Protein backbone atom coordinates (compact mmCIF):
# COMPACT_ATOMS: atom_id res chain seq x y z
CA MET A 1 101.81 33.61 16.32
CA TYR A 2 100.58 37.12 17.15
CA LYS A 3 96.70 37.80 16.77
CA ASP A 4 95.18 41.15 16.17
CA ARG A 5 92.53 41.62 18.66
CA ILE A 6 88.88 41.24 18.00
CA SER A 7 86.22 42.18 20.86
CA SER A 8 84.60 39.05 22.73
CA GLU A 9 81.24 40.34 21.11
CA LYS A 10 82.52 40.36 17.57
CA LEU A 11 83.89 36.92 18.05
CA SER A 12 80.75 35.54 19.95
CA ILE A 13 78.96 36.89 16.47
CA MET A 14 81.29 35.43 14.11
CA ALA A 15 80.74 31.89 16.11
CA ASP A 16 77.14 32.04 15.95
CA GLU A 17 77.42 32.36 12.22
CA ALA A 18 79.99 29.77 11.88
CA THR A 19 77.96 27.24 13.88
CA ARG A 20 74.90 27.65 11.49
CA CYS A 21 76.99 27.49 8.15
CA MET A 22 80.14 25.08 8.52
CA ALA A 23 79.69 21.47 8.04
CA ARG A 24 81.61 19.28 10.31
CA ASP A 25 84.00 17.77 7.68
CA VAL A 26 84.93 21.18 6.74
CA TYR A 27 85.43 22.14 10.42
CA GLU A 28 87.57 19.17 11.15
CA LYS A 29 89.87 19.66 8.03
CA GLY A 30 90.39 23.33 9.20
CA LYS A 31 91.08 22.35 12.43
CA ALA A 32 93.87 20.02 11.05
CA LEU A 33 95.14 22.69 8.80
CA TYR A 34 95.72 24.90 12.23
CA GLY A 35 97.13 22.18 14.11
CA HIS A 36 99.83 21.54 11.38
CA ASP A 37 100.57 25.57 11.48
CA ARG A 38 99.29 26.04 7.92
CA ILE A 39 98.28 29.51 8.28
CA LYS A 40 101.14 31.71 7.03
CA TRP A 41 100.04 35.44 7.41
CA VAL A 42 96.66 37.02 8.84
CA LYS A 43 96.01 40.49 9.22
CA ILE A 44 92.70 42.26 10.34
CA PHE A 45 91.55 45.45 8.34
CA GLY A 46 88.13 46.86 9.39
CA PRO A 47 85.30 44.39 9.33
CA ARG A 48 87.40 41.78 7.62
CA ILE A 49 90.54 39.37 8.39
CA TYR A 50 93.02 38.90 5.66
CA SER A 51 94.99 35.69 5.78
CA THR A 52 97.00 33.12 3.60
CA VAL A 53 96.84 29.28 4.27
CA ASP A 54 99.07 26.79 2.93
CA ASP A 55 97.57 23.63 1.61
CA ASP A 56 99.88 22.08 -1.18
CA LYS A 57 99.03 25.50 -2.57
CA MET A 58 98.89 28.99 -1.12
CA TYR A 59 95.38 30.06 -0.80
CA THR A 60 93.96 33.48 0.02
CA VAL A 61 91.44 33.77 2.60
CA THR A 62 88.93 37.00 3.25
CA VAL A 63 87.05 36.15 6.51
CA HIS A 64 83.83 38.66 7.06
CA ILE A 65 83.92 39.20 10.92
CA ASP A 66 79.99 40.31 10.91
CA ASN A 67 78.95 38.15 8.00
CA PHE A 68 80.87 35.01 8.23
CA SER A 69 78.73 33.14 5.43
CA GLN A 70 80.22 35.66 3.01
CA SER A 71 83.57 34.89 3.78
CA THR A 72 85.66 33.69 0.48
CA CYS A 73 88.63 31.88 -0.70
CA THR A 74 90.84 31.41 -3.68
CA CYS A 75 90.58 27.68 -3.43
CA ALA A 76 88.04 25.79 -5.99
CA LYS A 77 85.21 25.64 -3.07
CA LYS A 78 85.23 29.43 -2.87
CA ARG A 79 83.24 29.67 0.31
CA LEU A 80 82.94 27.69 3.63
CA CYS A 81 86.06 25.52 2.79
CA GLU A 82 88.65 24.10 5.30
CA HIS A 83 90.90 27.31 4.86
CA ILE A 84 88.09 29.60 6.05
CA ALA A 85 87.51 27.15 8.88
CA ALA A 86 91.38 27.44 9.70
CA VAL A 87 91.25 30.87 9.86
CA PHE A 88 88.35 31.06 11.97
CA ILE A 89 89.85 28.59 14.55
CA HIS A 90 93.14 30.60 14.78
CA TYR A 91 91.17 33.62 16.15
CA TYR A 92 88.55 31.76 18.15
CA GLY A 93 91.63 30.11 19.61
CA PRO A 94 90.94 29.09 23.52
CA ARG A 95 87.26 29.02 22.84
CA VAL A 96 87.42 25.84 20.30
CA MET A 97 86.66 23.31 22.78
CA GLU A 98 83.87 25.53 24.12
CA PHE A 99 82.71 25.82 20.33
CA GLU A 100 82.63 22.28 19.63
CA ASN A 101 80.76 21.29 22.23
CA SER A 102 78.16 24.01 21.87
CA PRO A 103 74.71 22.18 21.12
CA LYS A 104 74.14 24.30 18.02
CA MET A 105 77.29 22.90 16.50
CA ASN A 106 76.22 19.29 17.21
CA PHE A 107 79.86 18.20 16.61
CA SER A 108 80.61 14.79 18.10
CA ALA A 109 83.39 14.21 20.52
CA SER A 110 84.70 11.17 18.01
CA LYS A 111 85.60 11.82 14.77
CA LYS A 112 84.94 8.36 13.63
CA ALA A 113 82.00 8.61 10.64
CA PRO A 114 78.89 6.61 11.09
CA PRO A 115 78.50 3.69 8.86
CA LYS A 116 76.67 4.01 5.47
CA ASN A 117 73.39 2.87 4.85
CA THR A 118 72.16 2.88 8.20
CA ASN A 119 68.78 4.18 9.58
CA LEU A 120 70.57 6.98 11.10
CA ASN A 121 68.03 9.99 11.13
CA LEU A 122 68.05 11.99 8.33
CA LYS A 123 68.31 15.06 10.21
CA ASN A 124 71.23 14.08 12.30
CA GLN A 125 72.99 13.50 8.77
CA ALA A 126 71.96 16.93 7.43
CA VAL A 127 73.43 18.71 10.47
CA GLN A 128 76.71 16.71 10.45
CA SER A 129 77.44 16.38 6.67
CA THR A 130 77.23 18.29 3.31
CA PRO A 131 74.21 17.37 1.01
CA ASP A 132 75.20 14.67 -1.68
CA LYS A 133 74.30 15.44 -5.48
CA GLU A 134 72.53 12.09 -5.76
CA GLY A 135 70.27 12.94 -2.46
CA PRO A 136 68.06 11.50 -1.32
CA VAL A 137 65.87 14.56 -1.67
CA GLU A 138 64.47 14.25 1.75
CA LEU A 139 68.15 14.66 3.37
CA TRP A 140 68.29 17.96 1.03
CA TYR A 141 65.27 19.25 2.95
CA GLU A 142 66.43 18.29 6.15
CA TYR A 143 69.69 20.18 5.43
CA PHE A 144 67.77 23.20 4.24
CA GLU A 145 65.66 23.05 7.38
CA ASN A 146 68.46 22.94 9.80
CA THR A 147 70.19 25.62 7.92
CA TYR A 148 67.19 27.74 7.39
CA GLY A 149 66.71 27.59 11.31
CA ARG A 150 70.21 28.36 12.07
CA ILE A 151 70.05 31.73 10.13
CA ARG A 152 66.58 32.61 12.11
CA GLU A 153 68.12 31.68 15.28
CA SER A 154 71.19 33.80 14.41
CA ARG A 155 68.85 36.84 14.05
CA LYS A 156 67.52 36.60 17.60
CA ARG A 157 70.91 37.11 19.09
CA PRO A 158 71.15 39.96 21.61
CA SER A 159 73.97 41.69 19.94
CA LEU A 160 71.42 42.73 17.25
CA SER A 161 70.35 46.56 17.75
CA TYR A 162 66.34 47.08 18.07
CA SER A 163 66.21 48.45 14.55
CA ASP A 164 68.05 45.50 13.07
CA PHE A 165 65.85 43.22 15.06
CA PHE A 166 62.91 44.97 13.90
CA ALA A 167 63.54 44.92 10.23
CA SER A 168 64.61 41.47 10.37
CA GLU A 169 61.37 40.42 11.94
CA LEU A 170 59.27 42.47 9.05
CA TYR A 171 61.54 41.87 6.04
CA ILE A 172 62.59 38.65 6.76
CA SER A 173 62.79 37.36 3.06
CA ALA A 174 64.82 40.43 2.09
CA ARG A 175 67.26 39.48 5.23
CA LEU A 176 67.64 35.94 4.85
CA TYR A 177 67.08 34.67 1.05
CA ASP A 178 70.66 35.70 -0.09
CA GLU A 179 72.38 34.38 2.66
CA PHE A 180 70.37 31.30 2.92
CA MET A 181 71.25 30.68 -1.01
CA ASP A 182 74.68 31.51 -0.35
CA VAL A 183 75.06 29.04 2.19
CA VAL A 184 73.20 25.98 0.94
CA ASN A 185 74.38 26.35 -2.86
CA VAL A 186 78.26 26.37 -2.15
CA TYR A 187 78.27 22.90 -1.75
CA SER A 188 76.79 22.11 -5.58
CA GLN A 189 79.18 24.21 -7.25
CA SER A 190 81.02 21.33 -8.86
CA TRP A 191 78.35 18.96 -9.26
CA PRO A 192 77.11 17.95 -12.68
CA SER A 193 74.84 20.45 -14.05
CA LEU A 194 71.54 18.64 -14.07
CA ASN A 195 71.98 17.72 -10.29
CA ARG A 196 73.07 21.35 -9.35
CA ASP A 197 69.88 23.00 -11.19
CA LEU A 198 67.92 20.38 -9.19
CA TYR A 199 69.36 21.38 -6.24
CA ARG A 200 69.07 25.01 -7.00
CA PHE A 201 65.44 24.54 -7.59
CA HIS A 202 64.67 22.95 -4.43
CA SER A 203 66.36 25.10 -2.41
CA ASP A 204 64.39 28.17 -3.79
CA LEU A 205 61.24 25.95 -3.41
CA PHE A 206 62.00 25.24 0.26
CA PHE A 207 62.61 28.83 1.29
CA MET A 208 59.31 29.93 -0.50
CA ASP A 209 57.55 27.29 1.34
CA MET A 210 59.14 28.51 4.61
CA LEU A 211 58.38 32.01 3.93
CA GLU A 212 54.71 31.21 3.17
CA LYS A 213 54.43 29.26 6.97
CA GLN A 214 56.41 32.13 8.59
CA ILE A 215 54.72 34.95 6.81
CA LYS A 216 51.05 34.16 7.85
CA ASP A 217 50.77 36.34 10.52
CA VAL A 218 52.39 39.43 9.31
CA GLN A 219 50.24 41.88 7.78
CA PRO A 220 50.74 42.22 4.03
CA ALA A 221 51.69 45.87 4.39
CA TYR A 222 55.18 44.63 6.00
CA VAL A 223 55.83 42.08 3.16
CA ASP A 224 58.74 43.00 1.09
CA HIS A 225 57.07 42.50 -2.31
CA TYR A 226 59.95 43.47 -4.31
CA GLN A 227 62.19 40.86 -2.64
CA MET A 228 59.40 38.27 -3.34
CA GLU A 229 59.52 39.14 -7.00
CA GLU A 230 63.15 38.36 -7.11
CA ILE A 231 62.45 35.23 -5.28
CA TRP A 232 60.13 34.22 -7.89
CA ASP A 233 62.01 35.20 -10.73
CA ASP A 234 65.16 33.26 -9.46
CA PHE A 235 62.96 30.01 -9.06
CA MET A 236 61.55 30.58 -12.51
CA ARG A 237 65.00 30.65 -14.00
CA ALA A 238 65.96 27.53 -11.91
CA PHE A 239 63.17 25.70 -13.20
CA ALA A 240 63.77 26.54 -16.96
CA ALA A 241 67.43 25.55 -16.44
CA ILE A 242 65.86 22.18 -15.37
CA LEU A 243 63.59 21.68 -18.46
CA SER A 244 66.29 22.83 -20.70
CA ASN A 245 68.91 20.48 -19.53
CA LYS A 246 69.88 17.96 -22.14
CA GLN A 247 70.84 15.27 -19.61
CA GLN A 248 67.26 15.37 -18.61
CA GLU A 249 66.17 12.45 -20.72
CA LYS A 250 69.46 10.20 -19.58
CA ASN A 251 68.65 10.69 -16.00
CA LYS A 252 64.99 10.19 -15.77
CA PRO A 253 65.10 8.18 -12.31
CA LEU A 254 66.85 10.97 -10.60
CA PHE A 255 64.46 13.52 -12.48
CA GLN A 256 61.32 11.98 -11.55
CA THR A 257 62.25 11.20 -7.81
CA PHE A 258 63.04 14.95 -7.20
CA PHE A 259 59.89 16.46 -9.29
CA GLN A 260 57.74 14.11 -7.04
CA LYS A 261 58.97 15.74 -4.01
CA ALA A 262 58.59 19.47 -5.72
CA ILE A 263 54.85 18.19 -6.86
CA GLN A 264 54.09 17.30 -3.15
CA VAL A 265 55.47 20.52 -1.69
CA ALA A 266 53.46 22.63 -4.26
CA ARG A 267 50.43 20.78 -3.81
CA GLU A 268 50.58 21.05 0.13
CA ARG A 269 51.05 24.76 -0.17
CA LEU A 270 48.28 25.14 -2.66
CA PHE A 271 45.67 23.37 -0.65
CA VAL A 272 46.28 25.71 2.30
CA VAL A 273 43.20 28.38 2.71
CA LYS A 274 44.69 31.76 2.39
CA THR A 275 46.18 34.31 0.10
CA PRO A 276 49.73 32.96 -0.99
CA LEU A 277 52.74 35.00 -1.38
CA PHE A 278 53.72 33.03 -4.57
CA SER A 279 51.68 31.43 -7.26
CA TRP A 280 51.68 27.73 -6.33
CA LEU A 281 48.76 26.97 -8.74
CA MET A 282 51.27 27.96 -11.48
CA VAL A 283 54.06 25.93 -9.90
CA TYR A 284 51.77 23.07 -9.40
CA ARG A 285 50.39 22.87 -12.98
CA LEU A 286 53.99 23.34 -14.41
CA LEU A 287 55.20 20.68 -12.46
CA CYS A 288 52.31 18.55 -13.54
CA VAL A 289 52.58 19.13 -17.36
CA THR A 290 56.51 18.39 -17.39
CA SER A 291 56.74 15.80 -15.30
CA TYR A 292 57.60 12.19 -16.48
CA ASN A 293 54.90 9.22 -16.53
CA ASP A 294 55.53 7.80 -12.91
CA CYS A 295 54.83 11.19 -11.54
CA LEU A 296 51.72 11.45 -13.42
CA GLU A 297 50.07 8.55 -12.44
CA LYS A 298 51.02 8.71 -8.43
CA GLU A 299 49.72 12.26 -8.67
CA THR A 300 46.79 11.42 -10.89
CA ARG A 301 46.05 8.60 -8.13
CA TYR A 302 46.36 11.20 -5.09
CA LEU A 303 43.96 13.96 -6.58
CA GLU A 304 41.38 11.33 -7.62
CA GLU A 305 41.16 9.96 -4.30
CA PHE A 306 41.12 13.60 -2.46
CA LEU A 307 38.20 14.70 -4.68
CA ALA A 308 36.31 11.58 -3.84
CA GLY A 309 36.52 12.73 -0.09
CA HIS A 310 35.90 16.24 -0.54
CA GLU A 311 33.01 18.33 -1.20
CA PRO A 312 32.75 20.50 -4.56
CA ASN A 313 32.49 23.98 -2.53
CA GLN A 314 35.80 23.58 -0.89
CA GLN A 315 38.59 25.74 -1.93
CA SER A 316 40.80 22.72 -1.99
CA TYR A 317 38.38 20.63 -4.03
CA TYR A 318 38.83 23.45 -6.37
CA TYR A 319 42.38 23.53 -6.86
CA ALA A 320 42.71 19.68 -6.81
CA VAL A 321 40.31 19.83 -10.18
CA LEU A 322 42.36 22.28 -11.87
CA GLY A 323 45.64 19.78 -10.97
CA LEU A 324 43.81 16.75 -12.36
CA ALA A 325 42.96 18.77 -15.49
CA SER A 326 46.47 19.46 -16.01
CA LEU A 327 47.49 15.92 -15.43
CA ARG A 328 45.27 14.89 -17.74
CA LEU A 329 46.47 17.44 -20.34
CA ALA A 330 49.80 15.98 -19.86
CA ALA A 331 48.62 12.54 -20.79
CA ASN A 332 47.03 13.81 -23.82
CA ARG A 333 43.51 13.26 -22.52
CA GLU A 334 42.21 16.70 -23.53
CA GLU A 335 38.36 15.38 -23.29
CA ASP A 336 38.90 14.12 -20.17
CA ALA A 337 40.70 17.25 -18.68
CA LEU A 338 37.67 19.31 -20.11
CA SER A 339 35.19 17.06 -18.36
CA VAL A 340 36.86 17.09 -14.86
CA LEU A 341 36.51 21.12 -15.36
CA ARG A 342 33.09 21.03 -16.33
CA GLN A 343 32.64 19.71 -12.57
CA LEU A 344 33.34 23.19 -11.26
CA ARG A 345 30.36 25.33 -9.90
CA ASP A 346 32.25 28.44 -10.23
CA LYS A 347 35.31 29.09 -12.66
CA ARG A 348 37.63 31.86 -12.73
CA ILE A 349 39.00 32.62 -15.99
CA ASP A 350 42.13 33.85 -14.68
CA ASP A 351 42.83 30.35 -13.41
CA LEU A 352 41.74 28.70 -16.60
CA LEU A 353 44.16 30.79 -18.78
CA PHE A 354 46.78 28.35 -18.30
CA TYR A 355 45.08 25.68 -20.39
CA LEU A 356 44.62 27.93 -23.35
CA GLU A 357 48.33 28.94 -23.24
CA TYR A 358 49.17 25.24 -23.20
CA PHE A 359 47.19 24.64 -26.51
CA ALA A 360 48.55 27.87 -28.06
CA GLY A 361 52.34 27.16 -27.18
CA ALA A 362 51.60 23.42 -28.47
CA ARG A 363 49.83 24.79 -31.73
CA GLU A 364 46.77 22.72 -31.04
CA TRP A 365 44.76 24.86 -32.74
CA GLU A 366 41.69 23.06 -32.87
CA LYS A 367 41.99 21.99 -29.23
CA LEU A 368 42.19 25.99 -28.45
CA LEU A 369 39.01 26.80 -30.41
CA ALA A 370 37.18 24.06 -28.55
CA TRP A 371 38.29 25.35 -24.98
CA VAL A 372 37.88 28.91 -26.02
CA ASN A 373 34.17 28.26 -27.17
CA TRP A 374 33.76 26.88 -23.98
CA LEU A 375 35.04 29.72 -21.89
CA ALA A 376 33.58 32.47 -24.30
CA PRO A 377 31.02 33.75 -22.00
CA ASP A 378 33.39 34.05 -19.28
CA ILE A 379 36.02 35.80 -21.43
CA LYS A 380 34.29 38.44 -22.22
CA GLY A 381 33.89 39.49 -18.31
CA ALA A 382 37.96 38.87 -17.96
CA ASN A 383 40.27 41.36 -16.49
CA ALA A 384 41.97 43.33 -19.53
CA VAL A 385 45.17 41.58 -19.09
CA VAL A 386 43.59 38.11 -19.40
CA LEU A 387 41.49 39.27 -22.21
CA GLU A 388 44.48 40.60 -24.27
CA ASP A 389 46.37 37.34 -23.86
CA ILE A 390 43.45 35.21 -25.09
CA CYS A 391 42.83 37.57 -27.77
CA GLU A 392 46.61 37.11 -28.82
CA TYR A 393 46.13 33.37 -28.67
CA CYS A 394 43.20 33.76 -31.15
CA LEU A 395 45.41 35.82 -33.47
CA GLN A 396 47.99 33.33 -33.50
CA ALA A 397 45.34 30.50 -34.51
CA VAL A 398 43.98 32.95 -37.36
CA GLU A 399 47.41 33.31 -38.80
CA ASN A 400 48.47 29.53 -38.66
CA SER A 401 45.22 27.59 -38.69
CA LYS A 402 42.40 26.78 -41.06
CA PHE A 403 39.83 28.07 -38.23
CA GLY A 404 40.46 31.65 -38.87
CA GLN A 405 37.29 32.89 -39.36
CA GLU A 406 36.02 31.18 -36.26
CA PHE A 407 38.39 32.69 -33.97
CA ILE A 408 37.65 36.05 -35.53
CA LYS A 409 34.12 35.61 -34.81
CA LEU A 410 34.90 34.97 -31.18
CA ILE A 411 37.04 37.98 -30.96
CA ARG A 412 34.16 40.25 -32.50
CA SER A 413 31.78 38.80 -29.72
CA TRP A 414 33.81 40.19 -27.14
CA LEU A 415 33.66 43.97 -28.59
CA PRO A 416 34.13 46.59 -27.48
CA ARG A 417 36.66 45.02 -24.99
CA SER A 418 38.58 43.37 -27.70
CA LEU A 419 38.55 46.54 -29.85
CA ASP A 420 42.27 46.92 -29.91
CA CYS A 421 43.20 43.22 -31.03
CA TYR A 422 40.44 43.21 -33.73
CA ALA A 423 41.47 46.46 -35.12
CA GLN A 424 45.07 45.26 -35.24
CA TYR A 425 43.84 42.11 -37.20
CA LEU A 426 42.11 44.56 -39.54
CA LEU A 427 44.91 46.50 -40.23
CA GLU A 428 47.27 43.47 -40.80
CA GLU A 429 44.60 42.43 -43.64
CA ASP A 430 44.38 46.12 -45.05
CA LEU A 431 40.85 45.80 -44.54
CA PHE A 432 41.03 49.91 -43.92
CA ARG A 433 37.40 50.43 -44.42
CA GLU A 434 36.38 48.02 -41.89
CA TRP A 435 38.89 49.43 -39.56
CA VAL A 436 37.47 52.88 -40.02
CA GLU A 437 33.92 51.46 -39.49
CA LEU A 438 34.97 49.73 -36.28
CA HIS A 439 36.00 53.01 -34.69
CA MET A 440 33.17 54.75 -35.74
CA SER A 441 30.81 52.19 -34.52
CA TYR A 442 32.49 52.08 -30.83
CA ARG A 443 34.21 55.69 -30.85
CA GLY A 444 37.36 54.05 -28.61
CA TYR A 445 39.58 56.62 -30.06
CA THR A 446 39.29 60.38 -30.82
CA TRP A 447 41.59 62.26 -32.82
CA ASP A 448 43.18 63.19 -29.59
CA ASN A 449 44.34 59.88 -28.42
CA ILE A 450 44.43 57.83 -31.60
CA ASP A 451 47.96 56.29 -33.11
CA LYS A 452 48.88 59.04 -35.74
CA ASP A 453 50.94 56.53 -37.20
CA VAL A 454 48.03 54.08 -38.23
CA LEU A 455 46.33 57.11 -39.56
CA ARG A 456 49.39 57.70 -41.99
CA LEU A 457 49.64 54.21 -42.97
CA ILE A 458 45.91 54.31 -43.93
CA GLU A 459 46.30 57.50 -45.34
CA ALA A 460 49.14 56.30 -47.47
CA LYS A 461 47.17 53.34 -48.73
CA ASP A 462 43.65 54.24 -48.94
CA PRO A 463 43.06 58.00 -48.02
CA ALA A 464 39.29 57.89 -48.98
CA ALA A 465 38.89 55.18 -46.34
CA LEU A 466 39.43 57.78 -43.62
CA ILE A 467 37.15 60.67 -44.76
CA PRO A 468 34.08 59.17 -42.78
CA LEU A 469 36.13 59.01 -39.46
CA TYR A 470 37.40 62.54 -40.09
CA HIS A 471 33.93 63.89 -40.64
CA GLN A 472 32.60 62.26 -37.39
CA TRP A 473 35.75 63.41 -35.22
CA SER A 474 35.11 67.14 -36.31
CA ALA A 475 31.66 67.01 -35.99
CA MET A 476 32.07 65.90 -32.09
CA LEU A 477 34.72 68.65 -31.61
CA ILE A 478 32.23 71.21 -33.03
CA GLU A 479 29.67 70.03 -30.47
CA GLY A 480 31.60 70.94 -27.59
CA LYS A 481 31.07 74.47 -28.09
CA THR A 482 34.33 75.97 -26.74
CA ARG A 483 36.88 77.80 -28.32
CA LYS A 484 39.54 75.13 -27.53
CA SER A 485 37.11 72.60 -29.08
CA TYR A 486 36.74 74.65 -32.39
CA GLN A 487 40.35 75.04 -32.60
CA ALA A 488 40.86 71.43 -32.60
CA SER A 489 38.03 71.05 -35.03
CA VAL A 490 39.78 73.06 -37.49
CA ARG A 491 43.14 70.98 -37.26
CA VAL A 492 40.81 68.05 -38.22
CA LEU A 493 39.28 69.73 -41.23
CA LYS A 494 42.56 70.63 -42.56
CA LYS A 495 43.21 66.94 -42.57
CA LEU A 496 40.06 66.24 -44.05
CA ARG A 497 40.62 68.59 -46.78
CA ALA A 498 44.12 66.71 -47.61
CA LEU A 499 42.14 63.50 -47.61
CA TYR A 500 39.73 64.87 -50.10
CA ASN A 501 42.49 66.27 -52.23
CA LYS A 502 44.19 62.97 -52.16
CA SER A 503 41.21 61.22 -53.23
CA LYS A 504 40.47 63.85 -56.21
CA ALA A 505 37.42 65.06 -54.85
CA ILE A 506 37.84 68.80 -53.97
CA LYS A 507 34.42 69.42 -55.40
CA GLU A 508 32.94 67.30 -52.89
CA TRP A 509 35.22 69.35 -49.75
CA ASN A 510 34.00 72.66 -51.36
CA THR A 511 30.40 71.45 -50.89
CA PHE A 512 30.86 70.15 -47.65
CA ILE A 513 32.83 73.13 -46.15
CA TYR A 514 30.46 75.76 -47.18
CA SER A 515 27.50 73.61 -45.92
CA LEU A 516 28.97 73.29 -43.03
CA ALA A 517 29.72 77.21 -42.40
CA ALA A 518 25.96 77.78 -43.42
CA ARG A 519 24.81 75.23 -40.65
CA TYR A 520 26.31 77.32 -38.03
CA PRO A 521 26.06 80.94 -38.73
CA ARG A 522 25.35 82.17 -35.34
CA MET A 523 28.46 80.53 -33.93
CA ARG A 524 30.79 83.16 -34.21
CA ALA A 525 33.63 81.72 -32.40
CA LEU A 526 33.59 78.71 -34.82
CA GLN A 527 33.16 81.06 -37.93
CA GLU A 528 36.34 83.28 -36.62
CA GLU A 529 38.40 79.86 -36.32
CA LEU A 530 37.32 78.50 -40.05
CA ARG A 531 38.59 81.87 -41.59
CA LYS A 532 41.88 81.86 -39.22
CA GLY A 533 42.26 78.20 -40.67
CA LYS A 534 41.54 79.36 -44.19
CA LEU A 535 38.92 77.07 -44.55
CA ILE A 536 36.47 79.52 -45.56
CA SER A 537 36.86 83.21 -47.18
CA SER A 538 36.10 85.82 -44.82
């Protein structure tokens, strides 16, 4: 059969790609198809090979010469199937024996499969076979590690240009993530949904862990933070898919086994003393509060023993305390959880927000109140985003519990930083005069930056309530003593006049505006603007 020409360099590149992403059994099936002359048509067009393979049905294959792992087939497997392997062998032809004996491929001369349930090293199994839907999870990780290593190794090939090599070192996650996930997840497409979700979750978790290990010597300026966010979002989607899977309850043993491994990975990464790329504390605590009893008991014992052997001033001790508190929450031992956290010499409110979220999500308002009271002094100094979140939980409790006034008292204690939150509460309760008093006391907003929709709302329901606030704004603008500030003051005074009219207090308005003009007789610019605005007569 005639073969279109592919350069030796490109064949070498394609072979390198094939060695790291093709499984042995798939390769052998492809070799058998090639040997039985099942390839019916082939054509090279640009960087791709197009072919048809007869395997009881006719399948169309597209091989990417420069990116073999992205090759596709119309069969059920879609990628890295025996039909793709057959087309690869068709072009690799005379070098097949050399390829099979390559130490990278680890193909055995014998086709005899090793007996099941032997003590054969898991790593060799991972190299020579595809991952199984039932695990064990350690075999999955060995397979991940082998695949990841092959991709990394292929990035170092001499055929890469300097610029490509340089970029792959600096932006390793952006270069490797999609490729890695495409390779490892191709085998799970036909699995039951829970097994597939667990496999996707662990492949994400493995990649994040490896990235942390490899990026430790790279300056943060060279980290592709946009790609980090995509990886994190993908991981959280995989996590959510597991938790929402209805088969979870029916497969507790499987679920517990695979979550125990995830807890171990997250904990080991969390205890490393360095600034992480991902929020391992969040991952660890989410795993703790969503695992089943067996996992919780094992991890609780581990952390208790860990704390007994470490000093309180160590970072790992701090994270172990946070983890143990999460485990006790999951076991419905809230008092014990709080008791553990009280051991901390220094507490960071950002790290403790998790527990408040937990109670708010569970609608445990009394417990939320106890924990917020404990943290109240620290909350006042929290960053704006954290404070806003905590205020939001408090407002939820105000609306849904009998502890409303106690939560409102806490929000008031954080003024002026909680001004927006408290102001929103006052509006929702139609406490307009209190809203005005709040803004007059803290002067958090001026006429220029206040939400005019809010002013219109209050004006429609209680126009007289706004009169003191408009008085204050106009006085502040006049004190600016510039033509521009006088003009702004006139605009406010016109709104004030409308409020007096709506309140049927036009006599009071006339008394005020003439006394205002009389108070500043020497401010000619102000007098001119008042006349231009037809607030006083000439």
